[in-house]
N, C-alpha and C. Protein backbone atom coordinates (compact mmCIF):
# COMPACT_ATOMS: atom_id res chain seq x y z
N MET A 1 0.83 -1.20 0.00
CA MET A 1 0.00 0.00 0.00
C MET A 1 0.87 1.26 0.00
N LEU A 2 1.92 1.27 0.82
CA LEU A 2 2.80 2.43 0.90
C LEU A 2 3.46 2.71 -0.45
N PHE A 3 3.93 1.65 -1.11
CA PHE A 3 4.61 1.85 -2.38
C PHE A 3 3.65 2.29 -3.48
N SER A 4 2.42 1.84 -3.43
CA SER A 4 1.42 2.32 -4.38
C SER A 4 1.16 3.81 -4.17
N LEU A 5 1.11 4.22 -2.92
CA LEU A 5 0.90 5.63 -2.61
C LEU A 5 2.09 6.48 -3.07
N LEU A 6 3.30 5.96 -2.85
CA LEU A 6 4.50 6.65 -3.31
C LEU A 6 4.51 6.76 -4.84
N GLN A 7 4.15 5.68 -5.51
CA GLN A 7 4.12 5.68 -6.97
C GLN A 7 3.06 6.65 -7.47
N LEU A 8 1.90 6.66 -6.86
CA LEU A 8 0.83 7.57 -7.26
C LEU A 8 1.24 9.02 -7.06
N THR A 9 1.84 9.32 -5.92
CA THR A 9 2.29 10.68 -5.63
C THR A 9 3.39 11.12 -6.59
N GLY A 10 4.39 10.28 -6.77
CA GLY A 10 5.48 10.60 -7.69
C GLY A 10 4.99 10.75 -9.12
N GLY A 11 4.12 9.87 -9.54
CA GLY A 11 3.59 9.93 -10.90
C GLY A 11 2.76 11.18 -11.13
N LEU A 12 1.99 11.58 -10.13
CA LEU A 12 1.21 12.81 -10.26
C LEU A 12 2.12 14.03 -10.36
N ILE A 13 3.16 14.06 -9.55
CA ILE A 13 4.12 15.17 -9.60
C ILE A 13 4.78 15.23 -10.98
N LEU A 14 5.21 14.10 -11.49
CA LEU A 14 5.85 14.07 -12.82
C LEU A 14 4.87 14.48 -13.91
N SER A 15 3.64 14.03 -13.82
CA SER A 15 2.64 14.37 -14.84
C SER A 15 2.27 15.85 -14.78
N LEU A 16 2.05 16.36 -13.59
CA LEU A 16 1.65 17.75 -13.44
C LEU A 16 2.81 18.71 -13.73
N GLY A 17 4.03 18.20 -13.73
CA GLY A 17 5.19 19.02 -14.05
C GLY A 17 5.17 19.54 -15.48
N TRP A 18 4.38 18.94 -16.34
CA TRP A 18 4.26 19.38 -17.73
C TRP A 18 3.32 20.56 -17.88
N ILE A 19 2.50 20.83 -16.89
CA ILE A 19 1.50 21.89 -16.98
C ILE A 19 2.14 23.26 -17.25
N PRO A 20 3.23 23.64 -16.58
CA PRO A 20 3.85 24.94 -16.91
C PRO A 20 4.31 25.03 -18.37
N GLN A 21 4.81 23.93 -18.93
CA GLN A 21 5.23 23.93 -20.33
C GLN A 21 4.03 24.15 -21.24
N ILE A 22 2.93 23.47 -20.96
CA ILE A 22 1.72 23.63 -21.76
C ILE A 22 1.20 25.06 -21.65
N ALA A 23 1.19 25.60 -20.44
CA ALA A 23 0.71 26.98 -20.25
C ALA A 23 1.57 27.97 -21.02
N LYS A 24 2.89 27.76 -21.03
CA LYS A 24 3.79 28.66 -21.75
C LYS A 24 3.57 28.56 -23.26
N ILE A 25 3.37 27.35 -23.76
CA ILE A 25 3.11 27.18 -25.19
C ILE A 25 1.83 27.93 -25.58
N ILE A 26 0.78 27.76 -24.79
CA ILE A 26 -0.49 28.40 -25.10
C ILE A 26 -0.36 29.92 -25.00
N LYS A 27 0.35 30.40 -24.00
CA LYS A 27 0.51 31.85 -23.81
C LYS A 27 1.32 32.48 -24.94
N THR A 28 2.44 31.87 -25.29
CA THR A 28 3.34 32.46 -26.29
C THR A 28 3.02 32.01 -27.71
N ARG A 29 2.27 30.91 -27.83
CA ARG A 29 1.97 30.32 -29.14
C ARG A 29 3.26 30.03 -29.91
N SER A 30 4.28 29.64 -29.18
CA SER A 30 5.57 29.34 -29.79
C SER A 30 6.06 27.97 -29.33
N VAL A 31 6.49 27.18 -30.31
CA VAL A 31 7.08 25.87 -30.02
C VAL A 31 8.44 25.74 -30.74
N ALA A 32 8.99 26.88 -31.11
CA ALA A 32 10.22 26.90 -31.90
C ALA A 32 11.38 26.17 -31.24
N ASP A 33 11.47 26.23 -29.93
CA ASP A 33 12.60 25.61 -29.23
C ASP A 33 12.32 24.19 -28.75
N LEU A 34 11.17 23.65 -29.09
CA LEU A 34 10.83 22.29 -28.66
C LEU A 34 11.17 21.30 -29.77
N SER A 35 11.67 20.14 -29.37
CA SER A 35 12.03 19.10 -30.31
C SER A 35 10.85 18.13 -30.48
N LEU A 36 10.24 18.14 -31.67
CA LEU A 36 9.15 17.23 -31.94
C LEU A 36 9.60 15.78 -31.81
N ASN A 37 10.81 15.48 -32.30
CA ASN A 37 11.31 14.10 -32.22
C ASN A 37 11.42 13.62 -30.78
N ALA A 38 11.89 14.48 -29.89
CA ALA A 38 12.01 14.09 -28.48
C ALA A 38 10.64 13.79 -27.89
N TYR A 39 9.67 14.64 -28.18
CA TYR A 39 8.32 14.43 -27.64
C TYR A 39 7.65 13.21 -28.26
N LEU A 40 7.92 12.93 -29.53
CA LEU A 40 7.36 11.73 -30.15
C LEU A 40 7.96 10.47 -29.54
N LEU A 41 9.25 10.51 -29.22
CA LEU A 41 9.88 9.36 -28.56
C LEU A 41 9.32 9.16 -27.15
N MET A 42 9.10 10.26 -26.43
CA MET A 42 8.48 10.15 -25.11
C MET A 42 7.08 9.57 -25.23
N LEU A 43 6.34 10.03 -26.23
CA LEU A 43 4.99 9.54 -26.45
C LEU A 43 5.00 8.04 -26.75
N LEU A 44 5.93 7.61 -27.56
CA LEU A 44 6.06 6.18 -27.87
C LEU A 44 6.38 5.38 -26.60
N GLY A 45 7.35 5.84 -25.83
CA GLY A 45 7.72 5.14 -24.60
C GLY A 45 6.57 5.06 -23.61
N ILE A 46 5.88 6.17 -23.41
CA ILE A 46 4.75 6.17 -22.48
C ILE A 46 3.62 5.30 -23.02
N GLY A 47 3.44 5.31 -24.35
CA GLY A 47 2.41 4.45 -24.94
C GLY A 47 2.70 2.97 -24.70
N LEU A 48 3.95 2.59 -24.83
CA LEU A 48 4.33 1.19 -24.56
C LEU A 48 4.12 0.85 -23.08
N MET A 49 4.47 1.79 -22.21
CA MET A 49 4.25 1.55 -20.77
C MET A 49 2.76 1.50 -20.46
N GLU A 50 1.96 2.23 -21.22
CA GLU A 50 0.50 2.20 -21.02
C GLU A 50 -0.05 0.80 -21.28
N ALA A 51 0.44 0.15 -22.32
CA ALA A 51 0.02 -1.22 -22.60
C ALA A 51 0.36 -2.13 -21.42
N TYR A 52 1.54 -1.96 -20.87
CA TYR A 52 1.95 -2.74 -19.70
C TYR A 52 1.07 -2.41 -18.49
N ALA A 53 0.77 -1.14 -18.29
CA ALA A 53 -0.07 -0.72 -17.16
C ALA A 53 -1.47 -1.30 -17.28
N ILE A 54 -2.00 -1.33 -18.49
CA ILE A 54 -3.34 -1.92 -18.70
C ILE A 54 -3.30 -3.41 -18.38
N ASN A 55 -2.23 -4.08 -18.79
CA ASN A 55 -2.08 -5.50 -18.49
C ASN A 55 -2.03 -5.74 -16.98
N LEU A 56 -1.27 -4.91 -16.27
CA LEU A 56 -1.20 -5.05 -14.82
C LEU A 56 -2.56 -4.82 -14.17
N ALA A 57 -3.23 -3.75 -14.60
CA ALA A 57 -4.53 -3.42 -14.01
C ALA A 57 -5.56 -4.52 -14.30
N ALA A 58 -5.48 -5.13 -15.47
CA ALA A 58 -6.39 -6.22 -15.81
C ALA A 58 -6.18 -7.42 -14.87
N GLY A 59 -4.96 -7.54 -14.38
CA GLY A 59 -4.64 -8.61 -13.43
C GLY A 59 -4.95 -8.24 -11.99
N GLY A 60 -5.48 -7.05 -11.78
CA GLY A 60 -5.88 -6.65 -10.43
C GLY A 60 -4.82 -5.91 -9.64
N ILE A 61 -3.70 -5.58 -10.28
CA ILE A 61 -2.64 -4.84 -9.59
C ILE A 61 -2.23 -3.66 -10.46
N GLY A 62 -1.52 -2.73 -9.91
CA GLY A 62 -0.94 -1.65 -10.68
C GLY A 62 -1.89 -0.53 -11.07
N PHE A 63 -2.97 -0.35 -10.31
CA PHE A 63 -3.91 0.71 -10.65
C PHE A 63 -3.29 2.10 -10.53
N ALA A 64 -2.42 2.29 -9.54
CA ALA A 64 -1.75 3.59 -9.38
C ALA A 64 -0.86 3.86 -10.59
N PHE A 65 -0.19 2.85 -11.08
CA PHE A 65 0.65 2.99 -12.27
C PHE A 65 -0.20 3.33 -13.49
N LEU A 66 -1.33 2.67 -13.63
CA LEU A 66 -2.21 2.94 -14.76
C LEU A 66 -2.72 4.38 -14.73
N ILE A 67 -3.11 4.86 -13.56
CA ILE A 67 -3.62 6.22 -13.44
C ILE A 67 -2.56 7.25 -13.81
N THR A 68 -1.39 7.13 -13.22
CA THR A 68 -0.36 8.14 -13.47
C THR A 68 0.21 8.03 -14.89
N ASN A 69 0.31 6.83 -15.42
CA ASN A 69 0.81 6.67 -16.77
C ASN A 69 -0.19 7.23 -17.78
N THR A 70 -1.46 7.01 -17.55
CA THR A 70 -2.49 7.56 -18.43
C THR A 70 -2.46 9.08 -18.41
N LEU A 71 -2.27 9.64 -17.23
CA LEU A 71 -2.17 11.10 -17.12
C LEU A 71 -0.94 11.61 -17.87
N SER A 72 0.19 10.94 -17.72
CA SER A 72 1.41 11.33 -18.45
C SER A 72 1.19 11.23 -19.95
N LEU A 73 0.54 10.18 -20.39
CA LEU A 73 0.25 10.01 -21.81
C LEU A 73 -0.60 11.16 -22.33
N ALA A 74 -1.61 11.54 -21.58
CA ALA A 74 -2.48 12.65 -22.00
C ALA A 74 -1.73 13.97 -22.06
N VAL A 75 -0.88 14.20 -21.08
CA VAL A 75 -0.16 15.48 -21.04
C VAL A 75 0.86 15.58 -22.17
N VAL A 76 1.62 14.53 -22.41
CA VAL A 76 2.61 14.56 -23.48
C VAL A 76 1.91 14.60 -24.84
N LEU A 77 0.79 13.91 -24.97
CA LEU A 77 0.01 14.00 -26.19
C LEU A 77 -0.48 15.43 -26.43
N THR A 78 -0.83 16.12 -25.37
CA THR A 78 -1.23 17.53 -25.47
C THR A 78 -0.08 18.38 -25.99
N VAL A 79 1.12 18.17 -25.47
CA VAL A 79 2.28 18.93 -25.93
C VAL A 79 2.54 18.64 -27.42
N VAL A 80 2.47 17.38 -27.82
CA VAL A 80 2.69 17.04 -29.23
C VAL A 80 1.62 17.70 -30.10
N GLY A 81 0.39 17.68 -29.65
CA GLY A 81 -0.68 18.34 -30.38
C GLY A 81 -0.44 19.84 -30.52
N LEU A 82 0.05 20.46 -29.46
CA LEU A 82 0.35 21.89 -29.51
C LEU A 82 1.52 22.18 -30.43
N ILE A 83 2.50 21.29 -30.47
CA ILE A 83 3.63 21.47 -31.40
C ILE A 83 3.11 21.47 -32.83
N PHE A 84 2.24 20.51 -33.16
CA PHE A 84 1.68 20.47 -34.52
C PHE A 84 0.83 21.71 -34.79
N ARG A 85 0.10 22.15 -33.81
CA ARG A 85 -0.79 23.31 -34.00
C ARG A 85 -0.02 24.61 -34.25
N TYR A 86 1.05 24.82 -33.49
CA TYR A 86 1.76 26.10 -33.55
C TYR A 86 3.00 26.09 -34.42
N ARG A 87 3.26 25.03 -35.13
CA ARG A 87 4.40 24.99 -36.07
C ARG A 87 4.07 25.69 -37.34
């Protein structure tokens, strides 16, 4: 239980850490200094981990991992979408 709580807390902090980047992109409407390739690789990695998280959750474990990984996937997908929008 303790480690699930630690994972959930850490995952939320990591996921919410992208919010300032998203806010800055929306405010400035500039993505000139962002690397699309880097964000696409992150998206691929998180997507692969999402498949693993779904498998764990289907087995009755890893719900904290599924929640935080899904949030990370959504946030990075948002950044990639903003890069395409403002390029």
